[in-house]
Amino acid sequence: MPQEVEVWYVLPAIRRELAKAMKTKVVPRLNEEGKMVDHKITQKEIARMLGVTEPAITQYLLKKKGQRSRGDQVSLPERVVKEIDKAADAMIAEYEKTRSNEDEDIFEAMTSEINRIIKFMRDLGVMCDIHREFCAHVNDPCEACDSKKA
């Protein structure tokens, strides 16, 4: 099923790219002296934003050769990576609004952005390409998840 491919392969690949994008981001924050300084997003913050553990973020960011997970088997097109970068910015902006409150739920922003990316991938046909790559029985052309049919 396409949904299984999304869960097993695509979601881990999206999280990997989100973690990589977030790790490059800098946000202005007040330091102890009350001055505004640039702050690099930490792995702990990335883990909180993505709803995963810090060790998971470490694995996403490792630059070792080889494939550690199913998500590493998926290469995302540059157009999708650019959308993921936009999603990282949106998620960080939401996180910055709520970061002082550890109990604040930030998963709505994550869920919304990941759903937007998956829809973008479906609309581009990328999801079908990935499904074809991992499932030999997919028809070509496949119209199972063509959102334009209905």
C-alpha atoms as a PDB file:
ATOM      1  CA  MET A   1       0.000   0.000   0.000  1.00  0.00           C
ATOM      2  CA  PRO A   2       1.229   3.532  -0.718  1.00  0.00           C
ATOM      3  CA  GLN A   3       0.514   4.486   2.895  1.00  0.00           C
ATOM      4  CA  GLU A   4       2.942   1.812   4.132  1.00  0.00           C
ATOM      5  CA  VAL A   5       5.659   3.173   1.869  1.00  0.00           C
ATOM      6  CA  GLU A   6       4.981   6.626   3.314  1.00  0.00           C
ATOM      7  CA  VAL A   7       5.317   5.378   6.896  1.00  0.00           C
ATOM      8  CA  TRP A   8       8.310   3.090   6.353  1.00  0.00           C
ATOM      9  CA  TYR A   9      10.337   5.122   3.848  1.00  0.00           C
ATOM     10  CA  VAL A  10       9.032   8.624   3.193  1.00  0.00           C
ATOM     11  CA  LEU A  11       8.398   9.889   6.736  1.00  0.00           C
ATOM     12  CA  PRO A  12      11.898   8.896   7.916  1.00  0.00           C
ATOM     13  CA  ALA A  13      13.377  10.563   4.812  1.00  0.00           C
ATOM     14  CA  ILE A  14      11.389  13.755   5.477  1.00  0.00           C
ATOM     15  CA  ARG A  15      12.468  13.750   9.143  1.00  0.00           C
ATOM     16  CA  ARG A  16      16.079  13.242   8.065  1.00  0.00           C
ATOM     17  CA  GLU A  17      15.920  16.229   5.714  1.00  0.00           C
ATOM     18  CA  LEU A  18      14.087  18.352   8.297  1.00  0.00           C
ATOM     19  CA  ALA A  19      16.784  17.562  10.880  1.00  0.00           C
ATOM     20  CA  LYS A  20      19.533  18.439   8.392  1.00  0.00           C
ATOM     21  CA  ALA A  21      17.821  21.703   7.472  1.00  0.00           C
ATOM     22  CA  MET A  22      17.100  22.664  11.084  1.00  0.00           C
ATOM     23  CA  LYS A  23      20.698  22.016  12.115  1.00  0.00           C
ATOM     24  CA  THR A  24      21.815  24.787   9.721  1.00  0.00           C
ATOM     25  CA  LYS A  25      19.371  27.357  11.108  1.00  0.00           C
ATOM     26  CA  VAL A  26      20.161  30.255  13.419  1.00  0.00           C
ATOM     27  CA  VAL A  27      17.610  32.250  15.413  1.00  0.00           C
ATOM     28  CA  PRO A  28      18.027  35.474  17.382  1.00  0.00           C
ATOM     29  CA  ARG A  29      17.625  35.001  21.143  1.00  0.00           C
ATOM     30  CA  LEU A  30      18.336  37.030  24.250  1.00  0.00           C
ATOM     31  CA  ASN A  31      21.410  35.883  26.163  1.00  0.00           C
ATOM     32  CA  GLU A  32      21.975  36.105  29.931  1.00  0.00           C
ATOM     33  CA  GLU A  33      23.057  39.760  29.603  1.00  0.00           C
ATOM     34  CA  GLY A  34      19.896  40.690  27.742  1.00  0.00           C
ATOM     35  CA  LYS A  35      21.647  41.071  24.369  1.00  0.00           C
ATOM     36  CA  MET A  36      20.232  39.611  21.192  1.00  0.00           C
ATOM     37  CA  VAL A  37      22.609  36.944  19.837  1.00  0.00           C
ATOM     38  CA  ASP A  38      22.450  34.322  17.114  1.00  0.00           C
ATOM     39  CA  HIS A  39      21.588  30.886  18.494  1.00  0.00           C
ATOM     40  CA  LYS A  40      22.148  27.664  16.544  1.00  0.00           C
ATOM     41  CA  ILE A  41      19.273  25.210  16.825  1.00  0.00           C
ATOM     42  CA  THR A  42      20.383  22.290  19.022  1.00  0.00           C
ATOM     43  CA  GLN A  43      19.755  18.584  18.466  1.00  0.00           C
ATOM     44  CA  LYS A  44      17.630  18.559  21.623  1.00  0.00           C
ATOM     45  CA  GLU A  45      15.432  21.311  20.149  1.00  0.00           C
ATOM     46  CA  ILE A  46      15.219  19.509  16.805  1.00  0.00           C
ATOM     47  CA  ALA A  47      14.162  16.314  18.589  1.00  0.00           C
ATOM     48  CA  ARG A  48      11.425  18.217  20.425  1.00  0.00           C
ATOM     49  CA  MET A  49      10.179  19.837  17.218  1.00  0.00           C
ATOM     50  CA  LEU A  50      10.079  16.522  15.343  1.00  0.00           C
ATOM     51  CA  GLY A  51       8.720  14.473  18.236  1.00  0.00           C
ATOM     52  CA  VAL A  52      11.621  12.003  18.207  1.00  0.00           C
ATOM     53  CA  THR A  53      14.545  11.213  20.497  1.00  0.00           C
ATOM     54  CA  GLU A  54      17.922  12.948  20.467  1.00  0.00           C
ATOM     55  CA  PRO A  55      19.640   9.696  19.364  1.00  0.00           C
ATOM     56  CA  ALA A  56      17.281   9.615  16.362  1.00  0.00           C
ATOM     57  CA  ILE A  57      18.444  13.117  15.419  1.00  0.00           C
ATOM     58  CA  THR A  58      22.070  11.993  15.774  1.00  0.00           C
ATOM     59  CA  GLN A  59      21.370   9.142  13.357  1.00  0.00           C
ATOM     60  CA  TYR A  60      19.660  11.489  10.877  1.00  0.00           C
ATOM     61  CA  LEU A  61      22.668  13.816  10.958  1.00  0.00           C
ATOM     62  CA  LEU A  62      25.419  11.176  10.722  1.00  0.00           C
ATOM     63  CA  LYS A  63      27.383  11.471   7.537  1.00  0.00           C
ATOM     64  CA  LYS A  64      28.540   7.841   7.485  1.00  0.00           C
ATOM     65  CA  LYS A  65      28.326   5.962   4.231  1.00  0.00           C
ATOM     66  CA  GLY A  66      25.705   3.296   3.986  1.00  0.00           C
ATOM     67  CA  GLN A  67      22.060   3.139   4.790  1.00  0.00           C
ATOM     68  CA  ARG A  68      21.082   2.962   8.439  1.00  0.00           C
ATOM     69  CA  SER A  69      17.318   3.000   7.962  1.00  0.00           C
ATOM     70  CA  ARG A  70      14.625   2.619   5.346  1.00  0.00           C
ATOM     71  CA  GLY A  71      14.434   6.398   5.122  1.00  0.00           C
ATOM     72  CA  ASP A  72      18.066   6.470   3.996  1.00  0.00           C
ATOM     73  CA  GLN A  73      17.041   4.440   0.957  1.00  0.00           C
ATOM     74  CA  VAL A  74      14.942   7.345  -0.342  1.00  0.00           C
ATOM     75  CA  SER A  75      16.476  10.257  -2.206  1.00  0.00           C
ATOM     76  CA  LEU A  76      14.205  13.258  -2.320  1.00  0.00           C
ATOM     77  CA  PRO A  77      14.225  15.573  -5.350  1.00  0.00           C
ATOM     78  CA  GLU A  78      15.636  19.072  -4.892  1.00  0.00           C
ATOM     79  CA  ARG A  79      12.157  20.625  -5.244  1.00  0.00           C
ATOM     80  CA  VAL A  80      11.006  18.587  -2.248  1.00  0.00           C
ATOM     81  CA  VAL A  81      14.141  19.444  -0.251  1.00  0.00           C
ATOM     82  CA  LYS A  82      13.408  23.157  -0.838  1.00  0.00           C
ATOM     83  CA  GLU A  83       9.877  22.662   0.523  1.00  0.00           C
ATOM     84  CA  ILE A  84      11.333  20.840   3.509  1.00  0.00           C
ATOM     85  CA  ASP A  85      13.616  23.829   4.151  1.00  0.00           C
ATOM     86  CA  LYS A  86      10.544  26.101   4.159  1.00  0.00           C
ATOM     87  CA  ALA A  87       8.831  23.681   6.536  1.00  0.00           C
ATOM     88  CA  ALA A  88      11.865  23.795   8.847  1.00  0.00           C
ATOM     89  CA  ASP A  89      11.607  27.598   8.954  1.00  0.00           C
ATOM     90  CA  ALA A  90       7.885  27.426   9.764  1.00  0.00           C
ATOM     91  CA  MET A  91       8.395  24.815  12.482  1.00  0.00           C
ATOM     92  CA  ILE A  92      11.255  26.761  14.055  1.00  0.00           C
ATOM     93  CA  ALA A  93       9.177  29.956  14.042  1.00  0.00           C
ATOM     94  CA  GLU A  94       6.380  28.126  15.860  1.00  0.00           C
ATOM     95  CA  TYR A  95       8.860  26.571  18.273  1.00  0.00           C
ATOM     96  CA  GLU A  96      10.340  29.979  19.088  1.00  0.00           C
ATOM     97  CA  LYS A  97       6.883  31.198  20.135  1.00  0.00           C
ATOM     98  CA  THR A  98       6.468  28.319  22.582  1.00  0.00           C
ATOM     99  CA  ARG A  99       9.981  27.226  23.593  1.00  0.00           C
ATOM    100  CA  SER A 100       9.891  28.757  27.074  1.00  0.00           C
ATOM    101  CA  ASN A 101       6.989  26.471  27.981  1.00  0.00           C
ATOM    102  CA  GLU A 102       8.200  22.844  27.938  1.00  0.00           C
ATOM    103  CA  ASP A 103       4.600  21.631  28.251  1.00  0.00           C
ATOM    104  CA  GLU A 104       3.442  23.533  25.151  1.00  0.00           C
ATOM    105  CA  ASP A 105       2.353  21.218  22.345  1.00  0.00           C
ATOM    106  CA  ILE A 106       4.187  22.042  19.127  1.00  0.00           C
ATOM    107  CA  PHE A 107       3.200  18.919  17.221  1.00  0.00           C
ATOM    108  CA  GLU A 108       0.394  20.641  15.336  1.00  0.00           C
ATOM    109  CA  ALA A 109       2.963  22.682  13.386  1.00  0.00           C
ATOM    110  CA  MET A 110       5.047  19.568  12.666  1.00  0.00           C
ATOM    111  CA  THR A 111       2.023  17.561  11.559  1.00  0.00           C
ATOM    112  CA  SER A 112       0.741  20.364   9.365  1.00  0.00           C
ATOM    113  CA  GLU A 113       4.097  20.870   7.651  1.00  0.00           C
ATOM    114  CA  ILE A 114       4.738  17.152   7.087  1.00  0.00           C
ATOM    115  CA  ASN A 115       1.223  16.738   5.655  1.00  0.00           C
ATOM    116  CA  ARG A 116       1.897  19.696   3.348  1.00  0.00           C
ATOM    117  CA  ILE A 117       5.152  18.121   2.151  1.00  0.00           C
ATOM    118  CA  ILE A 118       3.498  14.750   1.518  1.00  0.00           C
ATOM    119  CA  LYS A 119       0.714  16.432  -0.483  1.00  0.00           C
ATOM    120  CA  PHE A 120       3.368  18.337  -2.452  1.00  0.00           C
ATOM    121  CA  MET A 121       5.144  15.041  -3.165  1.00  0.00           C
ATOM    122  CA  ARG A 122       1.902  13.371  -4.251  1.00  0.00           C
ATOM    123  CA  ASP A 123       1.040  16.276  -6.547  1.00  0.00           C
ATOM    124  CA  LEU A 124       4.503  16.072  -8.164  1.00  0.00           C
ATOM    125  CA  GLY A 125       4.192  12.303  -8.628  1.00  0.00           C
ATOM    126  CA  VAL A 126       7.204  11.712  -6.379  1.00  0.00           C
ATOM    127  CA  MET A 127       5.208   9.493  -4.038  1.00  0.00           C
ATOM    128  CA  CYS A 128       4.255   7.229  -6.949  1.00  0.00           C
ATOM    129  CA  ASP A 129       7.902   7.042  -8.052  1.00  0.00           C
ATOM    130  CA  ILE A 130       8.970   5.994  -4.553  1.00  0.00           C
ATOM    131  CA  HIS A 131       6.098   3.496  -4.335  1.00  0.00           C
ATOM    132  CA  ARG A 132       7.141   1.995  -7.703  1.00  0.00           C
ATOM    133  CA  GLU A 133      10.746   1.764  -6.521  1.00  0.00           C
ATOM    134  CA  PHE A 134       9.868  -0.329  -3.450  1.00  0.00           C
ATOM    135  CA  CYS A 135       6.840  -2.284  -4.690  1.00  0.00           C
ATOM    136  CA  ALA A 136       7.220  -4.403  -7.818  1.00  0.00           C
ATOM    137  CA  HIS A 137       3.459  -4.855  -8.333  1.00  0.00           C
ATOM    138  CA  VAL A 138       2.633  -1.157  -8.904  1.00  0.00           C
ATOM    139  CA  ASN A 139       1.146  -0.482 -12.330  1.00  0.00           C
ATOM    140  CA  ASP A 140       2.717   2.042 -14.649  1.00  0.00           C
ATOM    141  CA  PRO A 141       0.906   4.359 -14.942  1.00  0.00           C
ATOM    142  CA  CYS A 142      -0.681   3.999 -11.525  1.00  0.00           C
ATOM    143  CA  GLU A 143      -3.697   6.126 -10.662  1.00  0.00           C
ATOM    144  CA  ALA A 144      -4.344   4.729  -7.156  1.00  0.00           C
ATOM    145  CA  CYS A 145      -3.450   7.930  -5.336  1.00  0.00           C
ATOM    146  CA  ASP A 146      -4.012  10.466  -8.114  1.00  0.00           C
ATOM    147  CA  SER A 147      -5.712  13.296  -6.237  1.00  0.00           C
ATOM    148  CA  LYS A 148      -6.770  14.952  -9.520  1.00  0.00           C
ATOM    149  CA  LYS A 149      -9.102  12.080 -10.519  1.00  0.00           C
ATOM    150  CA  ALA A 150     -11.898  12.778  -8.072  1.00  0.00           C
END
